[in-house]
Amino acid sequence: MKAKKGFRKVDNSIIFDTSLTPEARFIYTCLACHADKKRECYPSIDTLLRETGMSKTTLYKHLKQLTDRGIVEKVQKKNGNLYGGIIYRLKDFEVS
C-alpha cells in the first residue's frame, strides 16, 4: 500500500512528552496521519498493526496510555442496534 503524501498536524508537546512511551507517541502520530479536519479517524486495528509493526498486545497497551491520558478518545460507532468500528478522536487541538 502506498503511503499518503502530505502533511498532518501533530502536537509537539505530545511528541516530546517523555512521560509517554515511544510506542504511544508513534501510535498518536499514525492516528494524526489519518485524522480529518475534526481530528477524527477510523483506521482498523489491522491497519494500525501494519503501519506500526507492533503486536496486537503492544498496540492495545500503548493506545490505552493515550486514552487514559485523554489525548485520544475512542468512540464506538453505532448504527441503530448494531455496533461498528471505532472512531478515534484526537483531543490535542481545539477544533473550530
PDB file of N, CA and C in Angstrom:
ATOM      1  N   MET A   1       0.837  -1.180   0.000  1.00  0.00           N
ATOM      2  CA  MET A   1       0.000   0.000   0.000  1.00  0.00           C
ATOM      3  C   MET A   1       0.882   1.242   0.000  1.00  0.00           C
ATOM      4  N   LYS A   2       0.568   2.189  -0.862  1.00  0.00           N
ATOM      5  CA  LYS A   2       1.355   3.393  -0.984  1.00  0.00           C
ATOM      6  C   LYS A   2       0.969   4.390   0.104  1.00  0.00           C
ATOM      7  N   ALA A   3       1.971   4.985   0.727  1.00  0.00           N
ATOM      8  CA  ALA A   3       1.728   5.950   1.806  1.00  0.00           C
ATOM      9  C   ALA A   3       1.100   7.225   1.260  1.00  0.00           C
ATOM     10  N   LYS A   4       0.250   7.835   2.092  1.00  0.00           N
ATOM     11  CA  LYS A   4      -0.365   9.101   1.709  1.00  0.00           C
ATOM     12  C   LYS A   4       0.683  10.197   1.750  1.00  0.00           C
ATOM     13  N   LYS A   5       0.620  11.066   0.766  1.00  0.00           N
ATOM     14  CA  LYS A   5       1.521  12.213   0.751  1.00  0.00           C
ATOM     15  C   LYS A   5       0.860  13.365   1.484  1.00  0.00           C
ATOM     16  N   GLY A   6       1.668  14.300   1.901  1.00  0.00           N
ATOM     17  CA  GLY A   6       1.118  15.474   2.541  1.00  0.00           C
ATOM     18  C   GLY A   6       1.608  15.628   3.962  1.00  0.00           C
ATOM     19  N   PHE A   7       0.975  16.558   4.639  1.00  0.00           N
ATOM     20  CA  PHE A   7       1.369  16.902   5.992  1.00  0.00           C
ATOM     21  C   PHE A   7       0.166  16.772   6.904  1.00  0.00           C
ATOM     22  N   ARG A   8       0.419  16.455   8.146  1.00  0.00           N
ATOM     23  CA  ARG A   8      -0.627  16.369   9.148  1.00  0.00           C
ATOM     24  C   ARG A   8      -0.205  17.157  10.372  1.00  0.00           C
ATOM     25  N   LYS A   9      -1.194  17.591  11.126  1.00  0.00           N
ATOM     26  CA  LYS A   9      -0.953  18.348  12.344  1.00  0.00           C
ATOM     27  C   LYS A   9      -0.620  17.385  13.471  1.00  0.00           C
ATOM     28  N   VAL A  10       0.537  17.591  14.088  1.00  0.00           N
ATOM     29  CA  VAL A  10       0.969  16.770  15.212  1.00  0.00           C
ATOM     30  C   VAL A  10       1.430  17.723  16.311  1.00  0.00           C
ATOM     31  N   ASP A  11       0.888  17.533  17.504  1.00  0.00           N
ATOM     32  CA  ASP A  11       1.218  18.406  18.624  1.00  0.00           C
ATOM     33  C   ASP A  11       2.599  18.047  19.167  1.00  0.00           C
ATOM     34  N   ASN A  12       3.536  18.991  19.071  1.00  0.00           N
ATOM     35  CA  ASN A  12       4.904  18.758  19.545  1.00  0.00           C
ATOM     36  C   ASN A  12       4.950  18.409  21.021  1.00  0.00           C
ATOM     37  N   SER A  13       4.029  18.954  21.810  1.00  0.00           N
ATOM     38  CA  SER A  13       4.070  18.660  23.244  1.00  0.00           C
ATOM     39  C   SER A  13       3.795  17.181  23.506  1.00  0.00           C
ATOM     40  N   ILE A  14       3.079  16.522  22.624  1.00  0.00           N
ATOM     41  CA  ILE A  14       2.842  15.086  22.760  1.00  0.00           C
ATOM     42  C   ILE A  14       4.049  14.307  22.238  1.00  0.00           C
ATOM     43  N   ILE A  15       4.569  14.716  21.109  1.00  0.00           N
ATOM     44  CA  ILE A  15       5.719  14.024  20.514  1.00  0.00           C
ATOM     45  C   ILE A  15       6.927  14.046  21.448  1.00  0.00           C
ATOM     46  N   PHE A  16       7.125  15.135  22.173  1.00  0.00           N
ATOM     47  CA  PHE A  16       8.297  15.269  23.043  1.00  0.00           C
ATOM     48  C   PHE A  16       7.986  15.001  24.510  1.00  0.00           C
ATOM     49  N   ASP A  17       6.814  14.468  24.807  1.00  0.00           N
ATOM     50  CA  ASP A  17       6.417  14.155  26.176  1.00  0.00           C
ATOM     51  C   ASP A  17       7.057  12.833  26.587  1.00  0.00           C
ATOM     52  N   THR A  18       8.116  12.905  27.386  1.00  0.00           N
ATOM     53  CA  THR A  18       8.846  11.693  27.764  1.00  0.00           C
ATOM     54  C   THR A  18       8.091  10.849  28.791  1.00  0.00           C
ATOM     55  N   SER A  19       6.973  11.351  29.315  1.00  0.00           N
ATOM     56  CA  SER A  19       6.163  10.509  30.203  1.00  0.00           C
ATOM     57  C   SER A  19       5.313   9.528  29.396  1.00  0.00           C
ATOM     58  N   LEU A  20       5.200   9.750  28.093  1.00  0.00           N
ATOM     59  CA  LEU A  20       4.548   8.795  27.186  1.00  0.00           C
ATOM     60  C   LEU A  20       5.608   7.855  26.628  1.00  0.00           C
ATOM     61  N   THR A  21       5.231   6.615  26.406  1.00  0.00           N
ATOM     62  CA  THR A  21       6.181   5.682  25.803  1.00  0.00           C
ATOM     63  C   THR A  21       6.421   6.063  24.340  1.00  0.00           C
ATOM     64  N   PRO A  22       7.572   5.699  23.808  1.00  0.00           N
ATOM     65  CA  PRO A  22       7.813   5.953  22.379  1.00  0.00           C
ATOM     66  C   PRO A  22       6.743   5.294  21.510  1.00  0.00           C
ATOM     67  N   GLU A  23       6.268   4.117  21.917  1.00  0.00           N
ATOM     68  CA  GLU A  23       5.233   3.429  21.160  1.00  0.00           C
ATOM     69  C   GLU A  23       3.931   4.232  21.145  1.00  0.00           C
ATOM     70  N   ALA A  24       3.561   4.805  22.285  1.00  0.00           N
ATOM     71  CA  ALA A  24       2.343   5.622  22.361  1.00  0.00           C
ATOM     72  C   ALA A  24       2.475   6.853  21.472  1.00  0.00           C
ATOM     73  N   ARG A  25       3.640   7.462  21.475  1.00  0.00           N
ATOM     74  CA  ARG A  25       3.856   8.638  20.625  1.00  0.00           C
ATOM     75  C   ARG A  25       3.774   8.266  19.154  1.00  0.00           C
ATOM     76  N   PHE A  26       4.257   7.080  18.780  1.00  0.00           N
ATOM     77  CA  PHE A  26       4.190   6.637  17.397  1.00  0.00           C
ATOM     78  C   PHE A  26       2.749   6.328  16.985  1.00  0.00           C
ATOM     79  N   ILE A  27       1.994   5.690  17.866  1.00  0.00           N
ATOM     80  CA  ILE A  27       0.580   5.420  17.587  1.00  0.00           C
ATOM     81  C   ILE A  27      -0.161   6.733  17.398  1.00  0.00           C
ATOM     82  N   TYR A  28       0.094   7.699  18.270  1.00  0.00           N
ATOM     83  CA  TYR A  28      -0.524   9.029  18.144  1.00  0.00           C
ATOM     84  C   TYR A  28      -0.206   9.634  16.774  1.00  0.00           C
ATOM     85  N   THR A  29       1.040   9.533  16.354  1.00  0.00           N
ATOM     86  CA  THR A  29       1.448  10.081  15.057  1.00  0.00           C
ATOM     87  C   THR A  29       0.714   9.383  13.915  1.00  0.00           C
ATOM     88  N   CYS A  30       0.590   8.069  13.988  1.00  0.00           N
ATOM     89  CA  CYS A  30      -0.149   7.321  12.953  1.00  0.00           C
ATOM     90  C   CYS A  30      -1.613   7.746  12.921  1.00  0.00           C
ATOM     91  N   LEU A  31      -2.230   7.903  14.093  1.00  0.00           N
ATOM     92  CA  LEU A  31      -3.621   8.353  14.137  1.00  0.00           C
ATOM     93  C   LEU A  31      -3.745   9.767  13.550  1.00  0.00           C
ATOM     94  N   ALA A  32      -2.798  10.634  13.872  1.00  0.00           N
ATOM     95  CA  ALA A  32      -2.825  12.003  13.343  1.00  0.00           C
ATOM     96  C   ALA A  32      -2.726  12.000  11.821  1.00  0.00           C
ATOM     97  N   CYS A  33      -1.991  11.047  11.263  1.00  0.00           N
ATOM     98  CA  CYS A  33      -1.868  10.954   9.802  1.00  0.00           C
ATOM     99  C   CYS A  33      -3.192  10.572   9.143  1.00  0.00           C
ATOM    100  N   HIS A  34      -4.062   9.915   9.885  1.00  0.00           N
ATOM    101  CA  HIS A  34      -5.363   9.511   9.355  1.00  0.00           C
ATOM    102  C   HIS A  34      -6.464  10.523   9.678  1.00  0.00           C
ATOM    103  N   ALA A  35      -6.203  11.452  10.589  1.00  0.00           N
ATOM    104  CA  ALA A  35      -7.250  12.336  11.104  1.00  0.00           C
ATOM    105  C   ALA A  35      -7.726  13.340  10.059  1.00  0.00           C
ATOM    106  N   ASP A  36      -9.030  13.623  10.130  1.00  0.00           N
ATOM    107  CA  ASP A  36      -9.618  14.635   9.261  1.00  0.00           C
ATOM    108  C   ASP A  36      -9.562  15.998   9.963  1.00  0.00           C
ATOM    109  N   LYS A  37     -10.247  16.984   9.413  1.00  0.00           N
ATOM    110  CA  LYS A  37     -10.212  18.337   9.982  1.00  0.00           C
ATOM    111  C   LYS A  37     -10.838  18.411  11.368  1.00  0.00           C
ATOM    112  N   LYS A  38     -11.714  17.451  11.682  1.00  0.00           N
ATOM    113  CA  LYS A  38     -12.327  17.393  13.015  1.00  0.00           C
ATOM    114  C   LYS A  38     -11.445  16.641  14.003  1.00  0.00           C
ATOM    115  N   ARG A  39     -10.270  16.180  13.550  1.00  0.00           N
ATOM    116  CA  ARG A  39      -9.330  15.390  14.357  1.00  0.00           C
ATOM    117  C   ARG A  39      -9.916  14.027  14.695  1.00  0.00           C
ATOM    118  N   GLU A  40     -10.692  13.468  13.756  1.00  0.00           N
ATOM    119  CA  GLU A  40     -11.268  12.139  13.914  1.00  0.00           C
ATOM    120  C   GLU A  40     -10.740  11.217  12.816  1.00  0.00           C
ATOM    121  N   CYS A  41     -10.613   9.948  13.150  1.00  0.00           N
ATOM    122  CA  CYS A  41     -10.198   8.963  12.160  1.00  0.00           C
ATOM    123  C   CYS A  41     -10.728   7.599  12.580  1.00  0.00           C
ATOM    124  N   TYR A  42     -10.691   6.668  11.674  1.00  0.00           N
ATOM    125  CA  TYR A  42     -11.204   5.334  11.976  1.00  0.00           C
ATOM    126  C   TYR A  42     -10.399   4.250  11.267  1.00  0.00           C
ATOM    127  N   PRO A  43      -9.070   4.264  11.449  1.00  0.00           N
ATOM    128  CA  PRO A  43      -8.301   3.150  10.878  1.00  0.00           C
ATOM    129  C   PRO A  43      -8.629   1.860  11.631  1.00  0.00           C
ATOM    130  N   SER A  44      -8.626   0.762  10.924  1.00  0.00           N
ATOM    131  CA  SER A  44      -8.880  -0.524  11.579  1.00  0.00           C
ATOM    132  C   SER A  44      -7.668  -0.910  12.425  1.00  0.00           C
ATOM    133  N   ILE A  45      -7.881  -1.829  13.336  1.00  0.00           N
ATOM    134  CA  ILE A  45      -6.765  -2.344  14.132  1.00  0.00           C
ATOM    135  C   ILE A  45      -5.735  -2.977  13.209  1.00  0.00           C
ATOM    136  N   ASP A  46      -6.197  -3.690  12.177  1.00  0.00           N
ATOM    137  CA  ASP A  46      -5.255  -4.295  11.223  1.00  0.00           C
ATOM    138  C   ASP A  46      -4.388  -3.238  10.545  1.00  0.00           C
ATOM    139  N   THR A  47      -4.985  -2.099  10.206  1.00  0.00           N
ATOM    140  CA  THR A  47      -4.216  -1.004   9.596  1.00  0.00           C
ATOM    141  C   THR A  47      -3.173  -0.481  10.576  1.00  0.00           C
ATOM    142  N   LEU A  48      -3.574  -0.252  11.818  1.00  0.00           N
ATOM    143  CA  LEU A  48      -2.622   0.243  12.821  1.00  0.00           C
ATOM    144  C   LEU A  48      -1.519  -0.777  13.093  1.00  0.00           C
ATOM    145  N   LEU A  49      -1.871  -2.051  13.132  1.00  0.00           N
ATOM    146  CA  LEU A  49      -0.849  -3.084  13.324  1.00  0.00           C
ATOM    147  C   LEU A  49       0.157  -3.079  12.186  1.00  0.00           C
ATOM    148  N   ARG A  50      -0.348  -2.976  10.977  1.00  0.00           N
ATOM    149  CA  ARG A  50       0.524  -2.964   9.802  1.00  0.00           C
ATOM    150  C   ARG A  50       1.418  -1.727   9.787  1.00  0.00           C
ATOM    151  N   GLU A  51       0.844  -0.570  10.066  1.00  0.00           N
ATOM    152  CA  GLU A  51       1.610   0.683   9.998  1.00  0.00           C
ATOM    153  C   GLU A  51       2.636   0.811  11.122  1.00  0.00           C
ATOM    154  N   THR A  52       2.313   0.306  12.304  1.00  0.00           N
ATOM    155  CA  THR A  52       3.234   0.448  13.433  1.00  0.00           C
ATOM    156  C   THR A  52       4.209  -0.711  13.549  1.00  0.00           C
ATOM    157  N   GLY A  53       3.843  -1.869  12.999  1.00  0.00           N
ATOM    158  CA  GLY A  53       4.692  -3.044  13.131  1.00  0.00           C
ATOM    159  C   GLY A  53       4.629  -3.656  14.526  1.00  0.00           C
ATOM    160  N   MET A  54       3.653  -3.254  15.326  1.00  0.00           N
ATOM    161  CA  MET A  54       3.522  -3.750  16.692  1.00  0.00           C
ATOM    162  C   MET A  54       2.629  -4.985  16.728  1.00  0.00           C
ATOM    163  N   SER A  55       2.764  -5.740  17.819  1.00  0.00           N
ATOM    164  CA  SER A  55       1.826  -6.834  18.056  1.00  0.00           C
ATOM    165  C   SER A  55       0.526  -6.231  18.572  1.00  0.00           C
ATOM    166  N   LYS A  56      -0.550  -7.007  18.533  1.00  0.00           N
ATOM    167  CA  LYS A  56      -1.847  -6.520  18.998  1.00  0.00           C
ATOM    168  C   LYS A  56      -1.783  -6.151  20.484  1.00  0.00           C
ATOM    169  N   THR A  57      -1.112  -6.971  21.279  1.00  0.00           N
ATOM    170  CA  THR A  57      -0.978  -6.702  22.714  1.00  0.00           C
ATOM    171  C   THR A  57      -0.248  -5.384  22.955  1.00  0.00           C
ATOM    172  N   THR A  58       0.842  -5.177  22.246  1.00  0.00           N
ATOM    173  CA  THR A  58       1.627  -3.945  22.396  1.00  0.00           C
ATOM    174  C   THR A  58       0.818  -2.738  21.944  1.00  0.00           C
ATOM    175  N   LEU A  59       0.141  -2.855  20.823  1.00  0.00           N
ATOM    176  CA  LEU A  59      -0.667  -1.749  20.317  1.00  0.00           C
ATOM    177  C   LEU A  59      -1.727  -1.346  21.341  1.00  0.00           C
ATOM    178  N   TYR A  60      -2.476  -2.319  21.842  1.00  0.00           N
ATOM    179  CA  TYR A  60      -3.533  -2.014  22.813  1.00  0.00           C
ATOM    180  C   TYR A  60      -2.959  -1.415  24.098  1.00  0.00           C
ATOM    181  N   LYS A  61      -1.838  -1.929  24.551  1.00  0.00           N
ATOM    182  CA  LYS A  61      -1.214  -1.430  25.783  1.00  0.00           C
ATOM    183  C   LYS A  61      -0.858   0.058  25.661  1.00  0.00           C
ATOM    184  N   HIS A  62      -0.255   0.437  24.560  1.00  0.00           N
ATOM    185  CA  HIS A  62       0.207   1.818  24.413  1.00  0.00           C
ATOM    186  C   HIS A  62      -0.913   2.751  23.952  1.00  0.00           C
ATOM    187  N   LEU A  63      -1.891   2.228  23.238  1.00  0.00           N
ATOM    188  CA  LEU A  63      -3.070   3.014  22.896  1.00  0.00           C
ATOM    189  C   LEU A  63      -3.852   3.351  24.166  1.00  0.00           C
ATOM    190  N   LYS A  64      -3.873   2.433  25.105  1.00  0.00           N
ATOM    191  CA  LYS A  64      -4.533   2.666  26.389  1.00  0.00           C
ATOM    192  C   LYS A  64      -3.882   3.835  27.127  1.00  0.00           C
ATOM    193  N   GLN A  65      -2.574   3.963  27.014  1.00  0.00           N
ATOM    194  CA  GLN A  65      -1.886   5.087  27.647  1.00  0.00           C
ATOM    195  C   GLN A  65      -2.414   6.407  27.079  1.00  0.00           C
ATOM    196  N   LEU A  66      -2.638   6.452  25.766  1.00  0.00           N
ATOM    197  CA  LEU A  66      -3.159   7.671  25.132  1.00  0.00           C
ATOM    198  C   LEU A  66      -4.594   7.959  25.557  1.00  0.00           C
ATOM    199  N   THR A  67      -5.411   6.908  25.684  1.00  0.00           N
ATOM    200  CA  THR A  67      -6.801   7.123  26.089  1.00  0.00           C
ATOM    201  C   THR A  67      -6.885   7.464  27.576  1.00  0.00           C
ATOM    202  N   ASP A  68      -6.074   6.823  28.394  1.00  0.00           N
ATOM    203  CA  ASP A  68      -6.059   7.132  29.831  1.00  0.00           C
ATOM    204  C   ASP A  68      -5.646   8.573  30.098  1.00  0.00           C
ATOM    205  N   ARG A  69      -4.752   9.092  29.291  1.00  0.00           N
ATOM    206  CA  ARG A  69      -4.282  10.477  29.448  1.00  0.00           C
ATOM    207  C   ARG A  69      -5.227  11.496  28.805  1.00  0.00           C
ATOM    208  N   GLY A  70      -6.238  11.021  28.060  1.00  0.00           N
ATOM    209  CA  GLY A  70      -7.186  11.936  27.428  1.00  0.00           C
ATOM    210  C   GLY A  70      -6.693  12.543  26.134  1.00  0.00           C
ATOM    211  N   ILE A  71      -5.629  12.003  25.575  1.00  0.00           N
ATOM    212  CA  ILE A  71      -5.086  12.505  24.313  1.00  0.00           C
ATOM    213  C   ILE A  71      -5.908  11.968  23.146  1.00  0.00           C
ATOM    214  N   VAL A  72      -6.367  10.735  23.282  1.00  0.00           N
ATOM    215  CA  VAL A  72      -7.197  10.089  22.270  1.00  0.00           C
ATOM    216  C   VAL A  72      -8.458   9.577  22.961  1.00  0.00           C
ATOM    217  N   GLU A  73      -9.592   9.811  22.322  1.00  0.00           N
ATOM    218  CA  GLU A  73     -10.865   9.289  22.800  1.00  0.00           C
ATOM    219  C   GLU A  73     -11.347   8.240  21.804  1.00  0.00           C
ATOM    220  N   LYS A  74     -11.736   7.063  22.322  1.00  0.00           N
ATOM    221  CA  LYS A  74     -12.276   6.011  21.464  1.00  0.00           C
ATOM    222  C   LYS A  74     -13.788   6.038  21.588  1.00  0.00           C
ATOM    223  N   VAL A  75     -14.472   6.107  20.430  1.00  0.00           N
ATOM    224  CA  VAL A  75     -15.928   6.148  20.405  1.00  0.00           C
ATOM    225  C   VAL A  75     -16.415   5.008  19.528  1.00  0.00           C
ATOM    226  N   GLN A  76     -17.280   4.173  20.077  1.00  0.00           N
ATOM    227  CA  GLN A  76     -17.849   3.048  19.321  1.00  0.00           C
ATOM    228  C   GLN A  76     -18.902   3.582  18.354  1.00  0.00           C
ATOM    229  N   LYS A  77     -18.729   3.305  17.041  1.00  0.00           N
ATOM    230  CA  LYS A  77     -19.745   3.689  16.057  1.00  0.00           C
ATOM    231  C   LYS A  77     -20.962   2.802  16.251  1.00  0.00           C
ATOM    232  N   LYS A  78     -22.144   3.396  16.104  1.00  0.00           N
ATOM    233  CA  LYS A  78     -23.375   2.630  16.268  1.00  0.00           C
ATOM    234  C   LYS A  78     -24.346   3.043  15.169  1.00  0.00           C
ATOM    235  N   ASN A  79     -24.972   2.037  14.555  1.00  0.00           N
ATOM    236  CA  ASN A  79     -25.978   2.264  13.531  1.00  0.00           C
ATOM    237  C   ASN A  79     -27.225   1.511  13.981  1.00  0.00           C
ATOM    238  N   GLY A  80     -28.140   2.231  14.611  1.00  0.00           N
ATOM    239  CA  GLY A  80     -29.317   1.560  15.176  1.00  0.00           C
ATOM    240  C   GLY A  80     -28.892   0.710  16.354  1.00  0.00           C
ATOM    241  N   ASN A  81     -29.176  -0.585  16.277  1.00  0.00           N
ATOM    242  CA  ASN A  81     -28.783  -1.510  17.335  1.00  0.00           C
ATOM    243  C   ASN A  81     -27.452  -2.200  17.054  1.00  0.00           C
ATOM    244  N   LEU A  82     -26.848  -1.896  15.923  1.00  0.00           N
ATOM    245  CA  LEU A  82     -25.608  -2.557  15.533  1.00  0.00           C
ATOM    246  C   LEU A  82     -24.402  -1.686  15.854  1.00  0.00           C
ATOM    247  N   TYR A  83     -23.370  -2.313  16.398  1.00  0.00           N
ATOM    248  CA  TYR A  83     -22.121  -1.610  16.665  1.00  0.00           C
ATOM    249  C   TYR A  83     -21.157  -1.855  15.527  1.00  0.00           C
ATOM    250  N   GLY A  84     -20.453  -0.802  15.148  1.00  0.00           N
ATOM    251  CA  GLY A  84     -19.472  -0.906  14.071  1.00  0.00           C
ATOM    252  C   GLY A  84     -18.075  -0.737  14.615  1.00  0.00           C
ATOM    253  N   GLY A  85     -17.242  -0.078  13.844  1.00  0.00           N
ATOM    254  CA  GLY A  85     -15.855   0.135  14.219  1.00  0.00           C
ATOM    255  C   GLY A  85     -15.700   1.227  15.268  1.00  0.00           C
ATOM    256  N   ILE A  86     -14.470   1.585  15.490  1.00  0.00           N
ATOM    257  CA  ILE A  86     -14.117   2.598  16.479  1.00  0.00           C
ATOM    258  C   ILE A  86     -13.718   3.880  15.755  1.00  0.00           C
ATOM    259  N   ILE A  87     -14.199   4.991  16.271  1.00  0.00           N
ATOM    260  CA  ILE A  87     -13.731   6.307  15.826  1.00  0.00           C
ATOM    261  C   ILE A  87     -12.739   6.791  16.878  1.00  0.00           C
ATOM    262  N   TYR A  88     -11.587   7.240  16.428  1.00  0.00           N
ATOM    263  CA  TYR A  88     -10.586   7.810  17.331  1.00  0.00           C
ATOM    264  C   TYR A  88     -10.658   9.326  17.199  1.00  0.00           C
ATOM    265  N   ARG A  89     -10.866  10.008  18.317  1.00  0.00           N
ATOM    266  CA  ARG A  89     -10.858  11.474  18.332  1.00  0.00           C
ATOM    267  C   ARG A  89      -9.593  11.947  19.022  1.00  0.00           C
ATOM    268  N   LEU A  90      -8.793  12.695  18.298  1.00  0.00           N
ATOM    269  CA  LEU A  90      -7.582  13.257  18.882  1.00  0.00           C
ATOM    270  C   LEU A  90      -7.981  14.519  19.626  1.00  0.00           C
ATOM    271  N   LYS A  91      -7.648  14.574  20.897  1.00  0.00           N
ATOM    272  CA  LYS A  91      -8.060  15.673  21.758  1.00  0.00           C
ATOM    273  C   LYS A  91      -6.902  16.656  21.976  1.00  0.00           C
ATOM    274  N   ASP A  92      -6.010  16.734  21.017  1.00  0.00           N
ATOM    275  CA  ASP A  92      -4.811  17.545  21.174  1.00  0.00           C
ATOM    276  C   ASP A  92      -4.977  18.995  20.740  1.00  0.00           C
ATOM    277  N   PHE A  93      -5.879  19.268  19.813  1.00  0.00           N
ATOM    278  CA  PHE A  93      -6.117  20.624  19.312  1.00  0.00           C
ATOM    279  C   PHE A  93      -7.574  20.976  19.481  1.00  0.00           C
ATOM    280  N   GLU A  94      -7.853  22.228  19.695  1.00  0.00           N
ATOM    281  CA  GLU A  94      -9.247  22.693  19.694  1.00  0.00           C
ATOM    282  C   GLU A  94      -9.697  22.760  18.249  1.00  0.00           C
ATOM    283  N   VAL A  95     -10.854  22.172  17.952  1.00  0.00           N
ATOM    284  CA  VAL A  95     -11.405  22.195  16.596  1.00  0.00           C
ATOM    285  C   VAL A  95     -12.444  23.302  16.545  1.00  0.00           C
ATOM    286  N   SER A  96     -12.273  24.201  15.570  1.00  0.00           N
ATOM    287  CA  SER A  96     -13.227  25.318  15.463  1.00  0.00           C
ATOM    288  C   SER A  96     -14.295  25.049  14.440  1.00  0.00           C
TER     289      SER A  96
END
